[in-house]
Amino acid sequence: MKKTFTEHPYLLVINVIWLIIDAALSTFTSVLLTFSTNAIFSKNMRQLFFWIAINLSVWLILLISDYFQTVFQEKFIQKIMVEIRATISSQITQKSYTDFHRTNTGEYLSEYINDAGNIEANSIRKIFSLISHGVLIIFATIALTIYHWLFLPVIIILSLLMMLLPSRLARPMSQATENLSDGNAKLSNHLTNYLNGFDVFFNFNRLPVYRKLVSKTALNYAQTKVDYTKTNARVTNTIGGLSIFCQVMVDIVTSILAITARIPLGAISSTGNIASTIFNSLSSFSNEFVQIKAIKPLFDKIEPASSSTDNVNEDITPIFNRSITIKNLNYTIDGKNIFNHLNLKLDKGGKYALIGKSGVGKSTLLKILSGQITDYTGEILIDNINLKKLSQTKLVNLLQYVDQNVYLFNDTVANNISLWDETLSLPNLKNSLNKAKIDFTTTNKQIIAENGQNLSGGQKQRLALARFFYQPKPIALIDEGLSALDEVTAAEIDNSLLADNDLTLLEVSHHLSDEMKAKYDKIISLDQKQS
């Protein structure tokens, strides 16, 4: 949490100084009430309007200052929030492929939206509010002490009473905040799940079930929200009640001092106002202190964790010159052996077709080679370098995995293919479109609907292939990447891949004609469990 502010010391100092100025002006407006009230008691109309004019002038300055301070502070807060969401992104991108997919998309969305929003509302903003109220308390206490020294010990004793209470309230508030964060994650996760399956509900005439599931999820979240509100209300009302008690105590002291002529009668209006400022600020201060401590679990949650890459050697930069060798590969899913001492060798520039029955492990093998699956035994060597020694960044510079299940972004054709390449090469983009046989777009700026809903399966697959052609790698792992294309188009693209002498191709296909089979260097059948 400290790092969030210390990264911008100048902005923080400017904002704090501005808060101090506003607090001083606010306290001064209360002190000025003494002079206008004295004018009332002395029946001096001229003095009354003079001090009223002074007070209004100070209020005008305060309002103008507060406007610019609020805008400046908001810019600062949003700068911090951009960095917090960047921290969440950093945490996510440091995960391995397997670790990333252990968490549902809805939970990640909850971190970006709900957890980040909670941090903004109940930590970042509360810290600035805490500073503001702290400065107000200091100025108001000084002002009361100037009226009479007796106010100082009274304020100190009552302030200690108000500050001791929050330590007992922080733990339940922290637990309630953590429970709310979990509830937000579950809500996002369930809603994402049901919305993604809307077509299924529609096609099977089960829309009432969709409504029922969403209502059930909303009810569960509602109870979590109510529990949070109960805890928050207990904290707020307890502190608020104590604040009222303290203000009454100061009013009693003020009345005694005024009756005994130890302070001017005009001070009654000022001291009451100033005391209200002190204890309302203390009340807010205490509540904010509890809220800030309660948010700590969310900061811990988004803190980037150390990635589990104990075996990775970042200094190794592989150069693929000879072959990929698979030695005694073993892999099990839910107790079922997918690979049992599998041995294969893929030579550089070779073209290999991977065939076999459904469930035999074709896609699994490609995911192992691409680094998506790492919990296997045996060895996979790229020019005698163990695959597990390579960082994911170094590995994906060597190969590209083209999945049959293509995800397209709700963005332009150019961004979907180049993946937001800042040095976009239009000739390269055009060449990629031609190689992938893309003839259904009119401009590079054409917008693709969410996940390509405005495209057919074959069109989506061609865009995925265009991504490969735009950023070609020495090794291509294509998992049914042409399955949705018509036979002629699929053959044209396949022939283009097979004709590339520098490309090492491992392609999964269920439908290979005898003519196409003859063009591959080797047909690998996993049904035979190569060993």
Protein backbone atom coordinates (compact mmCIF):
# COMPACT_ATOMS: atom_id res chain seq x y z
CA MET A 1 0.00 0.00 0.00
CA LYS A 2 2.83 2.43 0.88
CA LYS A 3 4.45 1.85 -2.51
CA THR A 4 1.26 3.08 -4.19
CA PHE A 5 1.88 6.61 -2.87
CA THR A 6 5.67 6.75 -2.56
CA GLU A 7 6.07 6.27 -6.31
CA HIS A 8 4.67 9.81 -6.80
CA PRO A 9 6.16 11.89 -3.95
CA TYR A 10 5.75 15.28 -5.66
CA LEU A 11 2.10 14.75 -6.49
CA LEU A 12 1.49 13.51 -2.96
CA VAL A 13 3.21 16.50 -1.35
CA ILE A 14 1.31 19.01 -3.53
CA ASN A 15 -1.99 17.35 -2.68
CA VAL A 16 -1.23 17.28 1.07
CA ILE A 17 -0.20 20.96 1.08
CA TRP A 18 -3.43 21.81 -0.73
CA LEU A 19 -5.43 19.85 1.87
CA ILE A 20 -3.63 21.78 4.64
CA ILE A 21 -4.56 25.11 3.02
CA ASP A 22 -8.21 24.06 2.73
CA ALA A 23 -8.26 22.87 6.36
CA ALA A 24 -6.78 26.18 7.56
CA LEU A 25 -9.37 28.19 5.60
CA SER A 26 -12.20 26.00 6.91
CA THR A 27 -11.09 26.48 10.53
CA PHE A 28 -10.68 30.22 9.98
CA THR A 29 -14.34 30.52 8.87
CA SER A 30 -15.39 29.04 12.23
CA VAL A 31 -13.14 31.42 14.19
CA LEU A 32 -14.63 34.41 12.33
CA LEU A 33 -18.03 33.53 13.80
CA THR A 34 -16.73 34.79 17.17
CA PHE A 35 -16.37 38.33 15.82
CA SER A 36 -19.76 38.45 14.13
CA THR A 37 -21.43 36.98 17.25
CA ASN A 38 -19.68 39.55 19.48
CA ALA A 39 -21.02 42.26 17.15
CA ILE A 40 -24.53 40.89 17.71
CA PHE A 41 -24.13 41.00 21.53
CA SER A 42 -22.73 44.56 21.33
CA LYS A 43 -25.52 45.52 18.86
CA ASN A 44 -22.95 46.91 16.41
CA MET A 45 -24.54 46.56 12.95
CA ARG A 46 -21.53 47.90 11.11
CA GLN A 47 -19.16 45.40 12.75
CA LEU A 48 -21.65 42.58 12.12
CA PHE A 49 -21.80 43.13 8.35
CA PHE A 50 -18.04 43.72 8.18
CA TRP A 51 -17.28 40.30 9.71
CA ILE A 52 -19.99 38.63 7.66
CA ALA A 53 -18.38 40.04 4.50
CA ILE A 54 -14.96 38.81 5.63
CA ASN A 55 -16.40 35.37 6.37
CA LEU A 56 -18.10 35.16 2.97
CA SER A 57 -14.86 36.18 1.25
CA VAL A 58 -12.94 33.42 3.03
CA TRP A 59 -15.68 30.93 2.10
CA LEU A 60 -15.42 31.99 -1.56
CA ILE A 61 -11.64 31.47 -1.53
CA LEU A 62 -12.16 28.08 0.16
CA LEU A 63 -14.72 26.93 -2.43
CA ILE A 64 -12.49 27.95 -5.35
CA SER A 65 -9.47 26.26 -3.77
CA ASP A 66 -11.50 23.14 -2.98
CA TYR A 67 -12.66 22.86 -6.60
CA PHE A 68 -9.14 22.84 -8.03
CA GLN A 69 -7.86 20.59 -5.22
CA THR A 70 -10.64 18.06 -5.92
CA VAL A 71 -9.84 17.96 -9.65
CA PHE A 72 -6.09 17.64 -8.98
CA GLN A 73 -6.69 14.87 -6.44
CA GLU A 74 -8.97 12.97 -8.83
CA LYS A 75 -6.28 13.00 -11.53
CA PHE A 76 -3.80 11.68 -8.96
CA ILE A 77 -6.21 8.94 -7.82
CA GLN A 78 -6.93 7.80 -11.37
CA LYS A 79 -3.18 7.69 -12.09
CA ILE A 80 -2.82 5.38 -9.09
CA MET A 81 -5.78 3.25 -10.22
CA VAL A 82 -4.27 2.79 -13.69
CA GLU A 83 -1.12 1.50 -11.99
CA ILE A 84 -3.08 -0.80 -9.67
CA ARG A 85 -4.86 -2.40 -12.63
CA ALA A 86 -1.47 -2.68 -14.34
CA THR A 87 -0.27 -4.53 -11.23
CA ILE A 88 -3.19 -6.94 -11.59
CA SER A 89 -2.23 -7.44 -15.24
CA SER A 90 1.37 -8.07 -14.20
CA GLN A 91 0.23 -10.66 -11.66
CA ILE A 92 -1.87 -12.44 -14.30
CA THR A 93 0.82 -12.42 -16.99
CA GLN A 94 3.37 -13.87 -14.56
CA LYS A 95 1.24 -16.98 -14.17
CA SER A 96 1.99 -20.08 -16.17
CA TYR A 97 -0.55 -21.15 -18.77
CA THR A 98 -1.83 -23.87 -16.40
CA ASP A 99 -2.03 -21.55 -13.39
CA PHE A 100 -3.91 -18.94 -15.41
CA HIS A 101 -6.61 -21.43 -16.36
CA ARG A 102 -7.08 -22.62 -12.78
CA THR A 103 -8.98 -19.38 -12.17
CA ASN A 104 -12.18 -18.52 -14.00
CA THR A 105 -12.43 -15.42 -16.18
CA GLY A 106 -15.14 -14.00 -13.92
CA GLU A 107 -12.74 -13.96 -10.97
CA TYR A 108 -10.14 -12.05 -12.98
CA LEU A 109 -12.81 -9.56 -14.03
CA SER A 110 -13.78 -9.17 -10.38
CA GLU A 111 -10.19 -8.21 -9.54
CA TYR A 112 -10.11 -5.53 -12.25
CA ILE A 113 -13.56 -4.13 -11.48
CA ASN A 114 -14.72 -4.99 -7.94
CA ASP A 115 -11.45 -5.34 -6.02
CA ALA A 116 -9.84 -2.36 -7.76
CA GLY A 117 -13.03 -0.33 -7.23
CA ASN A 118 -13.06 -1.30 -3.55
CA ILE A 119 -9.42 -0.28 -3.18
CA GLU A 120 -10.18 3.08 -4.80
CA ALA A 121 -13.26 3.81 -2.69
CA ASN A 122 -12.16 2.40 0.66
CA SER A 123 -8.40 2.87 0.61
CA ILE A 124 -7.02 5.46 -1.82
CA ARG A 125 -9.83 7.97 -1.32
CA LYS A 126 -10.02 7.18 2.40
CA ILE A 127 -6.31 7.90 2.82
CA PHE A 128 -6.70 11.39 1.34
CA SER A 129 -9.80 11.89 3.46
CA LEU A 130 -7.85 10.66 6.50
CA ILE A 131 -5.15 13.27 5.84
CA SER A 132 -7.76 16.00 5.39
CA HIS A 133 -9.56 15.12 8.62
CA GLY A 134 -6.26 14.77 10.49
CA VAL A 135 -5.19 18.28 9.46
CA LEU A 136 -8.64 19.65 10.34
CA ILE A 137 -8.35 18.12 13.82
CA ILE A 138 -4.94 19.77 14.36
CA PHE A 139 -6.06 23.25 13.24
CA ALA A 140 -9.34 23.03 15.16
CA THR A 141 -7.56 21.91 18.34
CA ILE A 142 -5.11 24.83 18.07
CA ALA A 143 -8.04 27.22 17.57
CA LEU A 144 -9.87 25.94 20.68
CA THR A 145 -6.67 26.06 22.75
CA ILE A 146 -6.25 29.74 21.82
CA TYR A 147 -9.69 30.40 23.32
CA HIS A 148 -8.75 28.62 26.58
CA TRP A 149 -6.07 26.12 27.62
CA LEU A 150 -8.66 23.90 29.34
CA PHE A 151 -9.96 22.79 25.94
CA LEU A 152 -6.64 21.04 25.17
CA PRO A 153 -6.72 18.31 27.88
CA VAL A 154 -10.45 17.79 27.26
CA ILE A 155 -9.87 17.33 23.52
CA ILE A 156 -6.90 14.99 24.12
CA ILE A 157 -8.82 12.73 26.53
CA LEU A 158 -11.90 12.52 24.30
CA SER A 159 -9.76 12.01 21.19
CA LEU A 160 -7.92 9.09 22.80
CA LEU A 161 -11.27 7.56 23.65
CA MET A 162 -12.34 7.79 20.01
CA MET A 163 -9.03 6.47 18.68
CA LEU A 164 -8.94 3.40 20.95
CA LEU A 165 -12.25 2.07 19.64
CA PRO A 166 -11.26 1.41 15.97
CA SER A 167 -8.61 -1.17 16.91
CA ARG A 168 -11.42 -3.40 18.23
CA LEU A 169 -13.50 -2.90 15.09
CA ALA A 170 -10.81 -3.42 12.43
CA ARG A 171 -10.78 -7.23 12.47
CA PRO A 172 -14.51 -7.84 11.83
CA MET A 173 -14.49 -5.10 9.17
CA SER A 174 -11.48 -6.70 7.46
CA GLN A 175 -13.21 -10.09 7.41
CA ALA A 176 -16.41 -8.55 6.02
CA THR A 177 -14.43 -6.83 3.24
CA GLU A 178 -12.68 -10.08 2.33
CA ASN A 179 -16.03 -11.91 2.23
CA LEU A 180 -17.47 -9.19 -0.02
CA SER A 181 -14.50 -9.54 -2.39
CA ASP A 182 -15.09 -13.29 -2.61
CA GLY A 183 -18.79 -12.65 -3.19
CA ASN A 184 -18.01 -10.22 -6.03
CA ALA A 185 -15.73 -12.80 -7.64
CA LYS A 186 -18.38 -15.54 -7.44
CA LEU A 187 -21.03 -13.19 -8.85
CA SER A 188 -18.83 -12.23 -11.82
CA ASN A 189 -17.83 -15.84 -12.40
CA HIS A 190 -21.39 -17.21 -12.41
CA LEU A 191 -22.79 -14.38 -14.55
CA THR A 192 -19.97 -14.77 -17.09
CA ASN A 193 -20.65 -18.51 -17.20
CA TYR A 194 -24.39 -18.09 -17.82
CA LEU A 195 -23.99 -15.25 -20.33
CA ASN A 196 -21.46 -17.24 -22.36
CA GLY A 197 -23.98 -20.07 -22.52
CA PHE A 198 -26.94 -17.89 -23.50
CA ASP A 199 -27.20 -19.49 -26.96
CA VAL A 200 -27.50 -22.92 -25.36
CA PHE A 201 -30.38 -21.77 -23.16
CA PHE A 202 -32.03 -20.13 -26.17
CA ASN A 203 -31.68 -23.07 -28.56
CA PHE A 204 -33.02 -25.57 -26.02
CA ASN A 205 -35.87 -23.26 -24.95
CA ARG A 206 -34.46 -23.04 -21.42
CA LEU A 207 -34.45 -19.26 -20.96
CA PRO A 208 -36.54 -19.56 -17.76
CA VAL A 209 -33.69 -21.66 -16.33
CA TYR A 210 -31.25 -18.86 -17.22
CA ARG A 211 -33.38 -16.37 -15.27
CA LYS A 212 -33.66 -18.79 -12.34
CA LEU A 213 -29.89 -19.36 -12.17
CA VAL A 214 -29.14 -15.62 -12.31
CA SER A 215 -31.72 -14.94 -9.57
CA LYS A 216 -30.21 -17.63 -7.35
CA THR A 217 -26.73 -16.16 -7.85
CA ALA A 218 -28.05 -12.64 -7.13
CA LEU A 219 -29.71 -13.84 -3.90
CA ASN A 220 -26.48 -15.41 -2.66
CA TYR A 221 -24.60 -12.19 -3.41
CA ALA A 222 -27.33 -10.10 -1.79
CA GLN A 223 -26.82 -11.91 1.53
CA THR A 224 -23.07 -11.28 1.37
CA LYS A 225 -23.74 -7.59 0.71
CA VAL A 226 -26.21 -7.39 3.60
CA ASP A 227 -23.67 -8.99 5.97
CA TYR A 228 -21.06 -6.44 4.87
CA THR A 229 -23.50 -3.56 5.37
CA LYS A 230 -24.40 -4.81 8.87
CA THR A 231 -20.75 -4.82 9.92
CA ASN A 232 -20.07 -1.45 8.29
CA ALA A 233 -23.16 0.08 9.92
CA ARG A 234 -22.11 -1.21 13.36
CA VAL A 235 -18.69 0.37 12.94
CA THR A 236 -20.04 3.68 11.58
CA ASN A 237 -22.83 4.06 14.16
CA THR A 238 -20.61 3.12 17.10
CA ILE A 239 -18.03 5.71 16.13
CA GLY A 240 -20.76 8.26 15.29
CA GLY A 241 -22.44 7.80 18.68
CA LEU A 242 -19.14 8.34 20.47
CA SER A 243 -18.58 11.49 18.39
CA ILE A 244 -21.90 12.94 19.54
CA PHE A 245 -21.02 12.18 23.18
CA CYS A 246 -17.68 13.99 22.81
CA GLN A 247 -19.30 17.06 21.21
CA VAL A 248 -21.75 17.30 24.11
CA MET A 249 -18.83 17.17 26.57
CA VAL A 250 -17.10 20.08 24.79
CA ASP A 251 -20.39 22.04 24.72
CA ILE A 252 -20.62 21.60 28.51
CA VAL A 253 -17.04 22.85 29.00
CA THR A 254 -17.72 25.80 26.64
CA SER A 255 -20.88 26.75 28.55
CA ILE A 256 -19.07 26.66 31.91
CA LEU A 257 -16.22 28.81 30.59
CA ALA A 258 -18.67 31.32 29.06
CA ILE A 259 -20.78 31.54 32.25
CA THR A 260 -17.65 32.17 34.33
CA ALA A 261 -16.55 34.84 31.80
CA ARG A 262 -13.33 32.99 30.95
CA ILE A 263 -14.14 33.19 27.24
CA PRO A 264 -16.18 35.83 25.36
CA LEU A 265 -19.84 35.04 24.75
CA GLY A 266 -19.22 35.30 21.01
CA ALA A 267 -16.91 32.30 21.27
CA ILE A 268 -19.90 30.03 21.94
CA SER A 269 -20.83 29.93 18.24
CA SER A 270 -17.22 29.33 17.20
CA THR A 271 -16.28 26.71 19.81
CA GLY A 272 -19.40 24.67 19.10
CA ASN A 273 -18.63 24.76 15.39
CA ILE A 274 -14.96 23.94 15.93
CA ALA A 275 -15.76 21.11 18.36
CA SER A 276 -18.17 19.71 15.81
CA THR A 277 -15.36 19.83 13.24
CA ILE A 278 -12.97 18.02 15.59
CA PHE A 279 -15.25 15.15 16.57
CA ASN A 280 -16.94 14.76 13.21
CA SER A 281 -13.44 14.60 11.73
CA LEU A 282 -12.35 12.16 14.45
CA SER A 283 -15.44 10.07 13.75
CA SER A 284 -14.61 10.01 10.04
CA PHE A 285 -10.93 9.53 10.85
CA SER A 286 -11.67 6.46 12.99
CA ASN A 287 -14.06 5.00 10.43
CA GLU A 288 -11.57 5.62 7.60
CA PHE A 289 -8.79 4.03 9.63
CA VAL A 290 -10.89 0.87 10.03
CA GLN A 291 -11.81 0.84 6.32
CA ILE A 292 -8.18 1.26 5.22
CA LYS A 293 -6.99 -1.59 7.44
CA ALA A 294 -9.86 -3.74 6.14
CA ILE A 295 -8.66 -3.29 2.54
CA LYS A 296 -5.20 -4.76 3.22
CA PRO A 297 -6.27 -8.30 2.12
CA LEU A 298 -7.16 -6.88 -1.32
CA PHE A 299 -3.70 -5.31 -1.69
CA ASP A 300 -2.17 -8.64 -0.68
CA LYS A 301 -4.38 -10.39 -3.23
CA ILE A 302 -3.20 -8.32 -6.20
CA GLU A 303 0.48 -8.33 -5.20
CA PRO A 304 2.38 -10.19 -7.95
CA ALA A 305 3.37 -13.63 -6.71
CA SER A 306 6.66 -15.24 -7.54
CA SER A 307 6.16 -17.51 -10.53
CA SER A 308 6.96 -21.19 -10.17
CA THR A 309 9.84 -21.30 -12.65
CA ASP A 310 12.53 -22.94 -10.51
CA ASN A 311 13.87 -25.01 -13.41
CA VAL A 312 13.83 -22.20 -15.97
CA ASN A 313 17.13 -20.73 -17.12
CA GLU A 314 16.50 -17.22 -18.45
CA ASP A 315 19.99 -17.12 -19.97
CA ILE A 316 19.17 -19.88 -22.47
CA THR A 317 18.14 -18.54 -25.87
CA PRO A 318 17.48 -21.51 -28.14
CA ILE A 319 18.22 -21.44 -31.85
CA PHE A 320 16.38 -24.20 -33.66
CA ASN A 321 18.87 -25.79 -36.07
CA ARG A 322 18.41 -29.56 -35.93
CA SER A 323 15.44 -31.28 -34.33
CA ILE A 324 12.81 -31.66 -31.62
CA THR A 325 13.28 -34.93 -29.74
CA ILE A 326 10.66 -36.48 -27.46
CA LYS A 327 12.05 -39.12 -25.09
CA ASN A 328 9.94 -41.40 -22.89
CA LEU A 329 7.07 -38.92 -22.61
CA ASN A 330 4.48 -39.86 -19.99
CA TYR A 331 1.32 -37.93 -19.23
CA THR A 332 -1.78 -38.83 -17.25
CA ILE A 333 -5.18 -37.12 -16.95
CA ASP A 334 -7.48 -38.18 -14.11
CA GLY A 335 -5.72 -41.51 -13.78
CA LYS A 336 -5.84 -42.27 -17.52
CA ASN A 337 -2.53 -42.68 -19.36
CA ILE A 338 -2.46 -40.44 -22.41
CA PHE A 339 1.20 -41.06 -23.24
CA ASN A 340 3.26 -44.01 -22.06
CA HIS A 341 6.97 -43.77 -22.96
CA LEU A 342 6.24 -41.88 -26.19
CA ASN A 343 9.30 -41.28 -28.38
CA LEU A 344 9.34 -39.02 -31.45
CA LYS A 345 11.79 -37.01 -33.48
CA LEU A 346 10.84 -34.00 -35.61
CA ASP A 347 13.61 -32.75 -37.87
CA LYS A 348 14.00 -29.09 -38.76
CA GLY A 349 12.05 -28.25 -41.89
CA GLY A 350 10.07 -31.50 -41.67
CA LYS A 351 6.35 -31.68 -42.34
CA TYR A 352 4.43 -34.02 -40.05
CA ALA A 353 0.75 -34.92 -39.89
CA LEU A 354 -0.55 -36.11 -36.52
CA ILE A 355 -3.53 -38.46 -36.73
CA GLY A 356 -5.45 -40.74 -34.41
CA LYS A 357 -8.81 -41.34 -32.81
CA SER A 358 -10.51 -38.69 -30.72
CA GLY A 359 -9.08 -38.54 -27.19
CA VAL A 360 -5.82 -40.26 -28.10
CA GLY A 361 -3.77 -37.16 -27.19
CA LYS A 362 -3.16 -35.23 -30.41
CA SER A 363 -4.10 -31.83 -29.00
CA THR A 364 -2.45 -32.71 -25.69
CA LEU A 365 0.87 -33.37 -27.44
CA LEU A 366 0.73 -29.98 -29.17
CA LYS A 367 -0.06 -28.26 -25.87
CA ILE A 368 2.89 -30.00 -24.22
CA LEU A 369 5.22 -28.91 -27.03
CA SER A 370 3.93 -25.33 -26.82
CA GLY A 371 4.54 -25.17 -23.06
CA GLN A 372 0.88 -24.99 -22.09
CA ILE A 373 1.10 -28.31 -20.21
CA THR A 374 4.16 -28.82 -18.03
CA ASP A 375 3.29 -31.59 -15.55
CA TYR A 376 4.59 -34.43 -17.73
CA THR A 377 7.55 -36.75 -17.20
CA GLY A 378 10.22 -37.60 -19.71
CA GLU A 379 12.20 -35.20 -21.87
CA ILE A 380 11.44 -32.89 -24.76
CA LEU A 381 14.60 -31.48 -26.32
CA ILE A 382 14.97 -28.67 -28.82
CA ASP A 383 18.50 -29.08 -30.17
CA ASN A 384 19.42 -30.87 -26.90
CA ILE A 385 17.95 -28.07 -24.76
CA ASN A 386 15.30 -29.33 -22.35
CA LEU A 387 11.94 -27.68 -22.96
CA LYS A 388 11.41 -27.21 -19.21
CA LYS A 389 14.58 -25.11 -19.03
CA LEU A 390 13.14 -22.53 -21.43
CA SER A 391 11.09 -19.56 -20.30
CA GLN A 392 7.68 -19.23 -21.92
CA THR A 393 8.84 -16.03 -23.63
CA LYS A 394 11.82 -17.75 -25.25
CA LEU A 395 9.70 -20.75 -26.25
CA VAL A 396 6.96 -18.78 -28.03
CA ASN A 397 9.63 -17.00 -30.06
CA LEU A 398 10.39 -20.40 -31.57
CA LEU A 399 6.93 -21.80 -32.16
CA GLN A 400 3.29 -20.89 -32.55
CA TYR A 401 0.29 -22.94 -31.56
CA VAL A 402 -2.75 -22.44 -33.81
CA ASP A 403 -5.89 -23.76 -32.12
CA GLN A 404 -9.09 -24.81 -33.86
CA ASN A 405 -11.03 -22.80 -31.26
CA VAL A 406 -10.16 -19.28 -32.35
CA TYR A 407 -10.73 -16.24 -30.13
CA LEU A 408 -11.21 -12.93 -31.92
CA PHE A 409 -11.22 -9.53 -30.25
CA ASN A 410 -13.95 -6.94 -30.69
CA ASP A 411 -11.58 -4.71 -32.64
CA THR A 412 -10.25 -4.07 -36.14
CA VAL A 413 -9.03 -6.74 -38.54
CA ALA A 414 -5.53 -5.21 -38.34
CA ASN A 415 -5.40 -5.41 -34.54
CA ASN A 416 -6.79 -8.94 -34.53
CA ILE A 417 -4.01 -10.11 -36.84
CA SER A 418 -1.05 -8.00 -35.67
CA LEU A 419 -2.20 -8.07 -32.02
CA TRP A 420 -1.72 -4.32 -31.67
CA ASP A 421 1.71 -4.21 -33.28
CA GLU A 422 2.89 -0.61 -32.78
CA THR A 423 5.09 -0.85 -35.87
CA LEU A 424 2.35 -2.31 -38.06
CA SER A 425 3.70 -3.34 -41.46
CA LEU A 426 0.95 -2.88 -44.03
CA PRO A 427 2.76 -4.94 -46.72
CA ASN A 428 3.23 -7.76 -44.20
CA LEU A 429 -0.42 -7.48 -43.17
CA LYS A 430 -1.56 -7.64 -46.79
CA ASN A 431 0.68 -10.65 -47.41
CA SER A 432 -0.75 -12.40 -44.33
CA LEU A 433 -4.31 -11.80 -45.53
CA ASN A 434 -3.44 -13.22 -48.95
CA LYS A 435 -1.73 -16.32 -47.55
CA ALA A 436 -4.70 -17.03 -45.29
CA LYS A 437 -7.08 -16.58 -48.27
CA ILE A 438 -8.98 -13.81 -46.51
CA ASP A 439 -11.31 -12.22 -49.05
CA PHE A 440 -14.22 -11.33 -46.78
CA THR A 441 -12.89 -8.04 -45.36
CA THR A 442 -13.14 -4.72 -47.16
CA THR A 443 -10.68 -2.75 -45.04
CA ASN A 444 -8.07 -3.32 -42.36
CA LYS A 445 -10.16 -1.13 -40.06
CA GLN A 446 -13.24 -3.34 -40.36
CA ILE A 447 -14.52 -4.17 -36.86
CA ILE A 448 -14.80 -7.80 -35.82
CA ALA A 449 -17.71 -8.51 -33.46
CA GLU A 450 -17.11 -10.02 -30.01
CA ASN A 451 -15.35 -13.36 -30.55
CA GLY A 452 -16.10 -13.11 -34.27
CA GLN A 453 -19.87 -13.48 -33.97
CA ASN A 454 -20.29 -11.83 -37.36
CA LEU A 455 -18.01 -14.43 -39.02
CA SER A 456 -18.31 -18.10 -39.94
CA GLY A 457 -16.09 -20.77 -38.38
CA GLY A 458 -13.94 -20.94 -41.51
CA GLN A 459 -13.48 -17.17 -41.62
CA LYS A 460 -12.40 -17.16 -37.96
CA GLN A 461 -9.86 -19.90 -38.62
CA ARG A 462 -8.42 -17.98 -41.56
CA LEU A 463 -7.91 -14.93 -39.34
CA ALA A 464 -6.08 -17.14 -36.83
CA LEU A 465 -3.83 -18.41 -39.63
CA ALA A 466 -3.23 -14.82 -40.74
CA ARG A 467 -1.85 -14.15 -37.23
CA PHE A 468 0.69 -16.91 -37.82
CA PHE A 469 1.64 -15.60 -41.26
CA TYR A 470 2.03 -12.05 -39.88
CA GLN A 471 4.49 -13.20 -37.21
CA PRO A 472 5.86 -16.49 -38.59
CA LYS A 473 7.84 -18.77 -36.29
CA PRO A 474 10.26 -21.59 -37.22
CA ILE A 475 7.85 -24.17 -35.76
CA ALA A 476 4.10 -24.33 -36.40
CA LEU A 477 1.81 -26.50 -34.28
CA ILE A 478 -1.59 -26.49 -35.98
CA ASP A 479 -4.42 -28.19 -34.11
CA GLU A 480 -7.25 -28.74 -36.61
CA GLY A 481 -6.62 -25.17 -37.70
CA LEU A 482 -8.16 -25.83 -41.14
CA SER A 483 -11.06 -28.02 -40.03
CA ALA A 484 -13.78 -25.43 -40.73
CA LEU A 485 -12.49 -24.49 -44.20
CA ASP A 486 -13.80 -25.83 -47.47
CA GLU A 487 -11.64 -28.51 -49.08
CA VAL A 488 -10.20 -26.29 -51.82
CA THR A 489 -9.21 -23.41 -49.50
CA ALA A 490 -7.78 -25.81 -46.91
CA ALA A 491 -5.65 -27.51 -49.58
CA GLU A 492 -4.34 -24.16 -50.86
CA ILE A 493 -3.26 -23.04 -47.37
CA ASP A 494 -1.81 -26.46 -46.55
CA ASN A 495 0.21 -26.43 -49.78
CA SER A 496 1.57 -23.00 -48.85
CA LEU A 497 2.70 -24.32 -45.45
CA LEU A 498 4.17 -27.50 -46.94
CA ALA A 499 6.12 -25.51 -49.54
CA ASP A 500 7.94 -23.47 -46.89
CA ASN A 501 11.31 -25.22 -46.57
CA ASP A 502 12.26 -23.28 -43.43
CA LEU A 503 9.08 -24.22 -41.55
CA THR A 504 8.83 -27.23 -39.25
CA LEU A 505 5.16 -28.24 -39.30
CA LEU A 506 3.27 -30.56 -36.96
CA GLU A 507 -0.40 -30.55 -37.94
CA VAL A 508 -3.33 -32.39 -36.40
CA SER A 509 -5.92 -33.41 -38.97
CA HIS A 510 -8.79 -35.89 -39.08
CA HIS A 511 -9.41 -35.62 -42.81
CA LEU A 512 -6.33 -36.11 -44.98
CA SER A 513 -6.73 -37.28 -48.54
CA ASP A 514 -4.21 -39.75 -49.95
CA GLU A 515 -2.95 -36.96 -52.18
CA MET A 516 -2.26 -34.69 -49.18
CA LYS A 517 -0.74 -37.51 -47.10
CA ALA A 518 1.88 -38.01 -49.79
CA LYS A 519 3.09 -34.41 -49.33
CA TYR A 520 4.05 -34.86 -45.66
CA ASP A 521 7.43 -36.25 -44.64
CA LYS A 522 5.77 -38.49 -42.10
CA ILE A 523 2.30 -39.43 -40.89
CA ILE A 524 2.40 -39.96 -37.11
CA SER A 525 -0.42 -42.14 -35.78
CA LEU A 526 -0.87 -41.86 -32.02
CA ASP A 527 -3.18 -44.88 -32.15
CA GLN A 528 -0.02 -46.94 -32.48
CA LYS A 529 1.56 -45.20 -29.42
CA GLN A 530 4.96 -44.49 -30.99
CA SER A 531 7.70 -45.97 -28.83
